[in-house]
């Protein structure tokens, strides 16, 4: 019975490590998304308003991504 208990404790520790890893990945992805949103907003802010009228936001996003190699 001791072996089963030991194995379960190891499994629980592995799950805790996975949770920490998932949290760290989530934090990293959130940072990347924030940086992307800020970059797009700053780029959009500098565009000529007449230029913007010719495109939808979705099209402008694609242009921004292409210009930034994303």
N, C-alpha and C. Protein backbone atom coordinates (compact mmCIF):
# COMPACT_ATOMS: atom_id res chain seq x y z
N UNK A 1 0.82 -1.19 0.00
CA UNK A 1 0.00 0.00 0.00
C UNK A 1 0.86 1.24 0.00
N UNK A 2 2.05 1.18 0.56
CA UNK A 2 2.94 2.32 0.59
C UNK A 2 3.34 2.78 -0.80
N UNK A 3 3.49 1.83 -1.71
CA UNK A 3 3.88 2.18 -3.08
C UNK A 3 2.78 2.98 -3.78
N UNK A 4 1.54 2.58 -3.60
CA UNK A 4 0.43 3.30 -4.21
C UNK A 4 0.37 4.73 -3.68
N UNK A 5 0.53 4.88 -2.38
CA UNK A 5 0.51 6.21 -1.77
C UNK A 5 1.65 7.05 -2.32
N UNK A 6 2.85 6.47 -2.43
CA UNK A 6 3.99 7.21 -2.97
C UNK A 6 3.74 7.62 -4.42
N UNK A 7 3.18 6.70 -5.20
CA UNK A 7 2.90 6.99 -6.60
C UNK A 7 1.87 8.12 -6.72
N UNK A 8 0.85 8.09 -5.89
CA UNK A 8 -0.17 9.13 -5.93
C UNK A 8 0.41 10.48 -5.52
N UNK A 9 1.31 10.50 -4.54
CA UNK A 9 1.94 11.74 -4.13
C UNK A 9 2.78 12.33 -5.27
N UNK A 10 3.48 11.46 -5.99
CA UNK A 10 4.27 11.92 -7.14
C UNK A 10 3.34 12.48 -8.21
N UNK A 11 2.24 11.80 -8.47
CA UNK A 11 1.28 12.28 -9.47
C UNK A 11 0.72 13.64 -9.07
N UNK A 12 0.42 13.81 -7.81
CA UNK A 12 -0.11 15.09 -7.33
C UNK A 12 0.94 16.18 -7.48
N UNK A 13 2.21 15.86 -7.18
CA UNK A 13 3.29 16.84 -7.35
C UNK A 13 3.44 17.21 -8.82
N UNK A 14 3.35 16.21 -9.71
CA UNK A 14 3.44 16.48 -11.14
C UNK A 14 2.32 17.40 -11.60
N UNK A 15 1.12 17.18 -11.08
CA UNK A 15 -0.01 18.05 -11.45
C UNK A 15 0.20 19.47 -10.96
N UNK A 16 0.77 19.62 -9.78
CA UNK A 16 1.04 20.96 -9.24
C UNK A 16 2.07 21.68 -10.11
N UNK A 17 3.09 20.95 -10.54
CA UNK A 17 4.10 21.54 -11.42
C UNK A 17 3.47 21.93 -12.75
N UNK A 18 2.59 21.08 -13.28
CA UNK A 18 1.89 21.40 -14.53
C UNK A 18 1.05 22.66 -14.38
N UNK A 19 0.35 22.78 -13.24
CA UNK A 19 -0.46 23.98 -13.00
C UNK A 19 0.40 25.24 -13.00
N UNK A 20 1.56 25.17 -12.34
CA UNK A 20 2.47 26.31 -12.30
C UNK A 20 2.97 26.65 -13.70
N UNK A 21 3.28 25.62 -14.48
CA UNK A 21 3.75 25.82 -15.85
C UNK A 21 2.66 26.45 -16.71
N UNK A 22 1.45 25.96 -16.59
CA UNK A 22 0.32 26.50 -17.34
C UNK A 22 0.09 27.96 -16.96
N UNK A 23 0.18 28.26 -15.68
CA UNK A 23 0.02 29.65 -15.22
C UNK A 23 1.12 30.54 -15.81
N UNK A 24 2.35 30.04 -15.83
CA UNK A 24 3.47 30.82 -16.37
C UNK A 24 3.28 31.05 -17.87
N UNK A 25 2.83 30.04 -18.58
CA UNK A 25 2.57 30.18 -20.02
C UNK A 25 1.45 31.18 -20.24
N UNK A 26 0.41 31.11 -19.44
CA UNK A 26 -0.70 32.05 -19.54
C UNK A 26 -0.25 33.48 -19.32
N UNK A 27 0.59 33.69 -18.34
CA UNK A 27 1.12 35.03 -18.06
C UNK A 27 1.95 35.53 -19.24
N UNK A 28 2.77 34.66 -19.80
CA UNK A 28 3.59 35.02 -20.96
C UNK A 28 2.72 35.37 -22.16
N UNK A 29 1.70 34.57 -22.43
CA UNK A 29 0.80 34.84 -23.55
C UNK A 29 0.03 36.14 -23.35
N UNK A 30 -0.36 36.41 -22.13
CA UNK A 30 -1.05 37.66 -21.83
C UNK A 30 -0.14 38.85 -22.12
N UNK A 31 1.13 38.73 -21.75
CA UNK A 31 2.11 39.80 -22.01
C UNK A 31 2.27 40.02 -23.52
N UNK A 32 2.39 38.93 -24.28
CA UNK A 32 2.53 39.03 -25.73
C UNK A 32 1.30 39.70 -26.34
N UNK A 33 0.11 39.30 -25.90
CA UNK A 33 -1.13 39.89 -26.41
C UNK A 33 -1.21 41.37 -26.08
N UNK A 34 -0.82 41.73 -24.87
CA UNK A 34 -0.82 43.14 -24.46
C UNK A 34 0.13 43.95 -25.34
N UNK A 35 1.34 43.44 -25.55
CA UNK A 35 2.32 44.15 -26.38
C UNK A 35 1.82 44.31 -27.81
N UNK A 36 1.18 43.27 -28.33
CA UNK A 36 0.63 43.33 -29.68
C UNK A 36 -0.47 44.39 -29.76
N UNK A 37 -1.38 44.38 -28.79
CA UNK A 37 -2.49 45.34 -28.78
C UNK A 37 -1.97 46.77 -28.68
N UNK A 38 -0.98 46.99 -27.83
CA UNK A 38 -0.40 48.32 -27.67
C UNK A 38 0.29 48.75 -28.97
N UNK A 39 1.04 47.86 -29.57
CA UNK A 39 1.71 48.17 -30.84
C UNK A 39 0.72 48.52 -31.93
N UNK A 40 -0.34 47.75 -32.05
CA UNK A 40 -1.36 48.03 -33.06
C UNK A 40 -2.03 49.37 -32.78
N UNK A 41 -2.37 49.63 -31.54
CA UNK A 41 -3.03 50.89 -31.19
C UNK A 41 -2.13 52.09 -31.50
N UNK A 42 -0.85 51.97 -31.18
CA UNK A 42 0.08 53.07 -31.47
C UNK A 42 0.23 53.27 -32.98
N UNK A 43 0.33 52.18 -33.73
CA UNK A 43 0.43 52.24 -35.19
C UNK A 43 -0.83 52.88 -35.76
N UNK A 44 -1.97 52.44 -35.30
CA UNK A 44 -3.26 52.95 -35.76
C UNK A 44 -3.39 54.44 -35.47
N UNK A 45 -2.91 54.85 -34.31
CA UNK A 45 -3.00 56.25 -33.89
C UNK A 45 -2.22 57.18 -34.83
N UNK A 46 -1.14 56.67 -35.42
CA UNK A 46 -0.31 57.49 -36.30
C UNK A 46 -0.79 57.50 -37.75
N UNK A 47 -1.75 56.66 -38.08
CA UNK A 47 -2.25 56.62 -39.46
C UNK A 47 -3.04 57.87 -39.80
N UNK A 48 -2.99 58.24 -41.05
CA UNK A 48 -3.80 59.34 -41.57
C UNK A 48 -5.26 58.88 -41.56
N UNK A 49 -6.14 59.69 -41.05
CA UNK A 49 -7.56 59.30 -40.94
C UNK A 49 -8.17 59.02 -42.31
N UNK A 50 -7.69 59.69 -43.36
CA UNK A 50 -8.19 59.41 -44.71
C UNK A 50 -7.79 58.00 -45.15
N UNK A 51 -6.60 57.58 -44.77
CA UNK A 51 -6.13 56.23 -45.09
C UNK A 51 -7.02 55.19 -44.42
N UNK A 52 -7.38 55.45 -43.18
CA UNK A 52 -8.19 54.52 -42.40
C UNK A 52 -9.58 54.32 -43.00
N UNK A 53 -10.11 55.35 -43.64
CA UNK A 53 -11.46 55.26 -44.20
C UNK A 53 -11.56 54.23 -45.32
N UNK A 54 -10.43 53.92 -45.94
CA UNK A 54 -10.42 52.99 -47.07
C UNK A 54 -10.39 51.52 -46.64
N UNK A 55 -10.21 51.26 -45.35
CA UNK A 55 -10.03 49.89 -44.85
C UNK A 55 -10.89 49.64 -43.62
N UNK A 56 -11.25 48.39 -43.45
CA UNK A 56 -11.90 47.99 -42.20
C UNK A 56 -10.83 47.79 -41.14
N UNK A 57 -11.23 47.70 -39.89
CA UNK A 57 -10.27 47.44 -38.80
C UNK A 57 -9.56 46.10 -39.05
N UNK A 58 -10.30 45.13 -39.50
CA UNK A 58 -9.72 43.81 -39.76
C UNK A 58 -8.65 43.91 -40.85
N UNK A 59 -8.91 44.68 -41.89
CA UNK A 59 -7.92 44.87 -42.95
C UNK A 59 -6.70 45.63 -42.42
N UNK A 60 -6.94 46.65 -41.61
CA UNK A 60 -5.82 47.39 -41.01
C UNK A 60 -4.98 46.48 -40.13
N UNK A 61 -5.62 45.59 -39.41
CA UNK A 61 -4.89 44.64 -38.57
C UNK A 61 -3.99 43.75 -39.43
N UNK A 62 -4.52 43.29 -40.56
CA UNK A 62 -3.72 42.45 -41.46
C UNK A 62 -2.53 43.24 -42.02
N UNK A 63 -2.74 44.50 -42.36
CA UNK A 63 -1.66 45.36 -42.85
C UNK A 63 -0.59 45.52 -41.77
N UNK A 64 -1.04 45.79 -40.54
CA UNK A 64 -0.11 45.95 -39.42
C UNK A 64 0.72 44.68 -39.22
N UNK A 65 0.06 43.54 -39.25
CA UNK A 65 0.76 42.27 -39.06
C UNK A 65 1.78 42.04 -40.17
N UNK A 66 1.39 42.33 -41.41
CA UNK A 66 2.30 42.14 -42.53
C UNK A 66 3.51 43.07 -42.42
N UNK A 67 3.24 44.33 -42.10
CA UNK A 67 4.34 45.30 -41.97
C UNK A 67 5.31 44.95 -40.85
N UNK A 68 4.81 44.24 -39.83
CA UNK A 68 5.65 43.89 -38.68
C UNK A 68 6.12 42.45 -38.69
N UNK A 69 5.88 41.76 -39.80
CA UNK A 69 6.33 40.39 -39.95
C UNK A 69 5.69 39.42 -38.95
N UNK A 70 4.43 39.67 -38.68
CA UNK A 70 3.72 38.82 -37.71
C UNK A 70 2.76 37.87 -38.40
